[in-house]
Protein backbone atom coordinates (compact mmCIF):
# COMPACT_ATOMS: atom_id res chain seq x y z
CA UNK A 1 0.00 0.00 0.00
CA UNK A 2 1.34 3.41 -0.92
CA UNK A 3 1.56 6.22 1.66
CA UNK A 4 -0.35 8.61 -0.59
CA UNK A 5 -3.94 8.45 -1.77
CA UNK A 6 -3.75 10.52 -4.94
CA UNK A 7 -1.69 10.25 -8.09
CA UNK A 8 0.25 13.25 -9.40
CA UNK A 9 0.21 13.81 -13.16
CA UNK A 10 3.06 15.19 -15.22
CA UNK A 11 1.83 16.91 -18.35
CA UNK A 12 4.02 17.97 -21.23
CA UNK A 13 2.62 21.31 -22.29
CA UNK A 14 -0.42 23.04 -20.84
CA UNK A 15 -3.19 21.69 -18.66
CA UNK A 16 -6.74 22.57 -19.62
CA UNK A 17 -8.13 20.68 -16.62
CA UNK A 18 -9.55 23.09 -13.99
CA UNK A 19 -8.20 22.53 -10.49
CA UNK A 20 -11.68 21.87 -9.11
CA UNK A 21 -11.87 18.76 -11.33
CA UNK A 22 -8.58 17.22 -10.12
CA UNK A 23 -10.27 15.26 -7.33
CA UNK A 24 -12.58 13.53 -9.83
CA UNK A 25 -9.46 11.93 -11.29
CA UNK A 26 -7.77 11.43 -7.91
CA UNK A 27 -5.07 13.94 -8.79
CA UNK A 28 -3.25 15.74 -6.03
CA UNK A 29 -1.26 17.93 -8.41
CA UNK A 30 -1.03 18.62 -12.11
CA UNK A 31 2.41 19.48 -13.46
CA UNK A 32 2.48 21.40 -16.74
CA UNK A 33 5.62 22.62 -18.45
CA UNK A 34 3.87 25.93 -19.16
CA UNK A 35 3.67 26.54 -15.40
CA UNK A 36 7.46 26.41 -15.16
CA UNK A 37 8.40 28.82 -17.94
CA UNK A 38 7.20 31.74 -20.03
CA UNK A 39 8.97 30.30 -23.07
CA UNK A 40 7.42 27.88 -25.58
CA UNK A 41 8.91 24.54 -24.58
CA UNK A 42 7.28 22.83 -27.59
CA UNK A 43 9.78 24.61 -29.83
CA UNK A 44 12.80 24.01 -27.59
CA UNK A 45 13.55 20.37 -26.78
CA UNK A 46 16.49 21.30 -24.55
CA UNK A 47 14.23 23.53 -22.45
CA UNK A 48 11.53 20.82 -22.37
CA UNK A 49 14.07 18.26 -21.13
CA UNK A 50 15.27 20.62 -18.36
CA UNK A 51 11.70 21.33 -17.29
CA UNK A 52 10.80 17.61 -17.24
CA UNK A 53 13.84 16.90 -15.03
CA UNK A 54 12.77 19.71 -12.69
CA UNK A 55 9.19 18.41 -12.58
CA UNK A 56 10.52 14.91 -11.91
CA UNK A 57 12.53 16.23 -8.95
CA UNK A 58 9.46 18.09 -7.66
CA UNK A 59 7.36 14.92 -7.89
CA UNK A 60 10.07 12.88 -6.15
CA UNK A 61 10.49 15.42 -3.36
CA UNK A 62 6.72 15.52 -2.86
CA UNK A 63 6.55 11.74 -2.59
CA UNK A 64 9.41 11.72 -0.07
CA UNK A 65 7.57 14.27 2.05
CA UNK A 66 4.39 12.21 1.94
CA UNK A 67 6.21 9.02 2.85
CA UNK A 68 7.98 10.65 5.79
CA UNK A 69 11.46 9.71 4.56
C-alpha atoms as a PDB file:
ATOM      1  CA  UNK A   1       0.000   0.000   0.000  1.00  0.00           C
ATOM      2  CA  UNK A   2       1.345   3.413  -0.917  1.00  0.00           C
ATOM      3  CA  UNK A   3       1.564   6.222   1.660  1.00  0.00           C
ATOM      4  CA  UNK A   4      -0.349   8.614  -0.588  1.00  0.00           C
ATOM      5  CA  UNK A   5      -3.942   8.454  -1.766  1.00  0.00           C
ATOM      6  CA  UNK A   6      -3.750  10.523  -4.942  1.00  0.00           C
ATOM      7  CA  UNK A   7      -1.688  10.250  -8.090  1.00  0.00           C
ATOM      8  CA  UNK A   8       0.249  13.249  -9.403  1.00  0.00           C
ATOM      9  CA  UNK A   9       0.215  13.814 -13.156  1.00  0.00           C
ATOM     10  CA  UNK A  10       3.057  15.193 -15.217  1.00  0.00           C
ATOM     11  CA  UNK A  11       1.829  16.915 -18.350  1.00  0.00           C
ATOM     12  CA  UNK A  12       4.019  17.974 -21.231  1.00  0.00           C
ATOM     13  CA  UNK A  13       2.623  21.312 -22.286  1.00  0.00           C
ATOM     14  CA  UNK A  14      -0.423  23.041 -20.837  1.00  0.00           C
ATOM     15  CA  UNK A  15      -3.190  21.695 -18.657  1.00  0.00           C
ATOM     16  CA  UNK A  16      -6.736  22.568 -19.623  1.00  0.00           C
ATOM     17  CA  UNK A  17      -8.128  20.681 -16.619  1.00  0.00           C
ATOM     18  CA  UNK A  18      -9.548  23.087 -13.993  1.00  0.00           C
ATOM     19  CA  UNK A  19      -8.197  22.532 -10.494  1.00  0.00           C
ATOM     20  CA  UNK A  20     -11.683  21.868  -9.108  1.00  0.00           C
ATOM     21  CA  UNK A  21     -11.872  18.761 -11.327  1.00  0.00           C
ATOM     22  CA  UNK A  22      -8.584  17.224 -10.124  1.00  0.00           C
ATOM     23  CA  UNK A  23     -10.265  15.262  -7.335  1.00  0.00           C
ATOM     24  CA  UNK A  24     -12.578  13.534  -9.829  1.00  0.00           C
ATOM     25  CA  UNK A  25      -9.460  11.934 -11.287  1.00  0.00           C
ATOM     26  CA  UNK A  26      -7.768  11.433  -7.909  1.00  0.00           C
ATOM     27  CA  UNK A  27      -5.066  13.937  -8.794  1.00  0.00           C
ATOM     28  CA  UNK A  28      -3.246  15.742  -6.033  1.00  0.00           C
ATOM     29  CA  UNK A  29      -1.255  17.932  -8.408  1.00  0.00           C
ATOM     30  CA  UNK A  30      -1.030  18.620 -12.114  1.00  0.00           C
ATOM     31  CA  UNK A  31       2.408  19.476 -13.459  1.00  0.00           C
ATOM     32  CA  UNK A  32       2.480  21.402 -16.738  1.00  0.00           C
ATOM     33  CA  UNK A  33       5.616  22.619 -18.454  1.00  0.00           C
ATOM     34  CA  UNK A  34       3.868  25.930 -19.161  1.00  0.00           C
ATOM     35  CA  UNK A  35       3.669  26.539 -15.396  1.00  0.00           C
ATOM     36  CA  UNK A  36       7.464  26.409 -15.158  1.00  0.00           C
ATOM     37  CA  UNK A  37       8.405  28.822 -17.941  1.00  0.00           C
ATOM     38  CA  UNK A  38       7.199  31.743 -20.026  1.00  0.00           C
ATOM     39  CA  UNK A  39       8.968  30.304 -23.070  1.00  0.00           C
ATOM     40  CA  UNK A  40       7.420  27.881 -25.576  1.00  0.00           C
ATOM     41  CA  UNK A  41       8.913  24.537 -24.582  1.00  0.00           C
ATOM     42  CA  UNK A  42       7.282  22.829 -27.592  1.00  0.00           C
ATOM     43  CA  UNK A  43       9.780  24.607 -29.828  1.00  0.00           C
ATOM     44  CA  UNK A  44      12.798  24.011 -27.588  1.00  0.00           C
ATOM     45  CA  UNK A  45      13.554  20.368 -26.783  1.00  0.00           C
ATOM     46  CA  UNK A  46      16.495  21.298 -24.552  1.00  0.00           C
ATOM     47  CA  UNK A  47      14.233  23.532 -22.445  1.00  0.00           C
ATOM     48  CA  UNK A  48      11.534  20.821 -22.372  1.00  0.00           C
ATOM     49  CA  UNK A  49      14.068  18.262 -21.129  1.00  0.00           C
ATOM     50  CA  UNK A  50      15.269  20.621 -18.363  1.00  0.00           C
ATOM     51  CA  UNK A  51      11.703  21.327 -17.285  1.00  0.00           C
ATOM     52  CA  UNK A  52      10.804  17.615 -17.243  1.00  0.00           C
ATOM     53  CA  UNK A  53      13.837  16.900 -15.030  1.00  0.00           C
ATOM     54  CA  UNK A  54      12.774  19.710 -12.690  1.00  0.00           C
ATOM     55  CA  UNK A  55       9.191  18.407 -12.582  1.00  0.00           C
ATOM     56  CA  UNK A  56      10.523  14.906 -11.912  1.00  0.00           C
ATOM     57  CA  UNK A  57      12.528  16.229  -8.953  1.00  0.00           C
ATOM     58  CA  UNK A  58       9.455  18.089  -7.659  1.00  0.00           C
ATOM     59  CA  UNK A  59       7.365  14.916  -7.885  1.00  0.00           C
ATOM     60  CA  UNK A  60      10.074  12.877  -6.150  1.00  0.00           C
ATOM     61  CA  UNK A  61      10.487  15.423  -3.360  1.00  0.00           C
ATOM     62  CA  UNK A  62       6.721  15.523  -2.857  1.00  0.00           C
ATOM     63  CA  UNK A  63       6.551  11.739  -2.586  1.00  0.00           C
ATOM     64  CA  UNK A  64       9.405  11.719  -0.075  1.00  0.00           C
ATOM     65  CA  UNK A  65       7.575  14.274   2.055  1.00  0.00           C
ATOM     66  CA  UNK A  66       4.389  12.212   1.935  1.00  0.00           C
ATOM     67  CA  UNK A  67       6.210   9.018   2.846  1.00  0.00           C
ATOM     68  CA  UNK A  68       7.976  10.652   5.790  1.00  0.00           C
ATOM     69  CA  UNK A  69      11.459   9.708   4.557  1.00  0.00           C
END
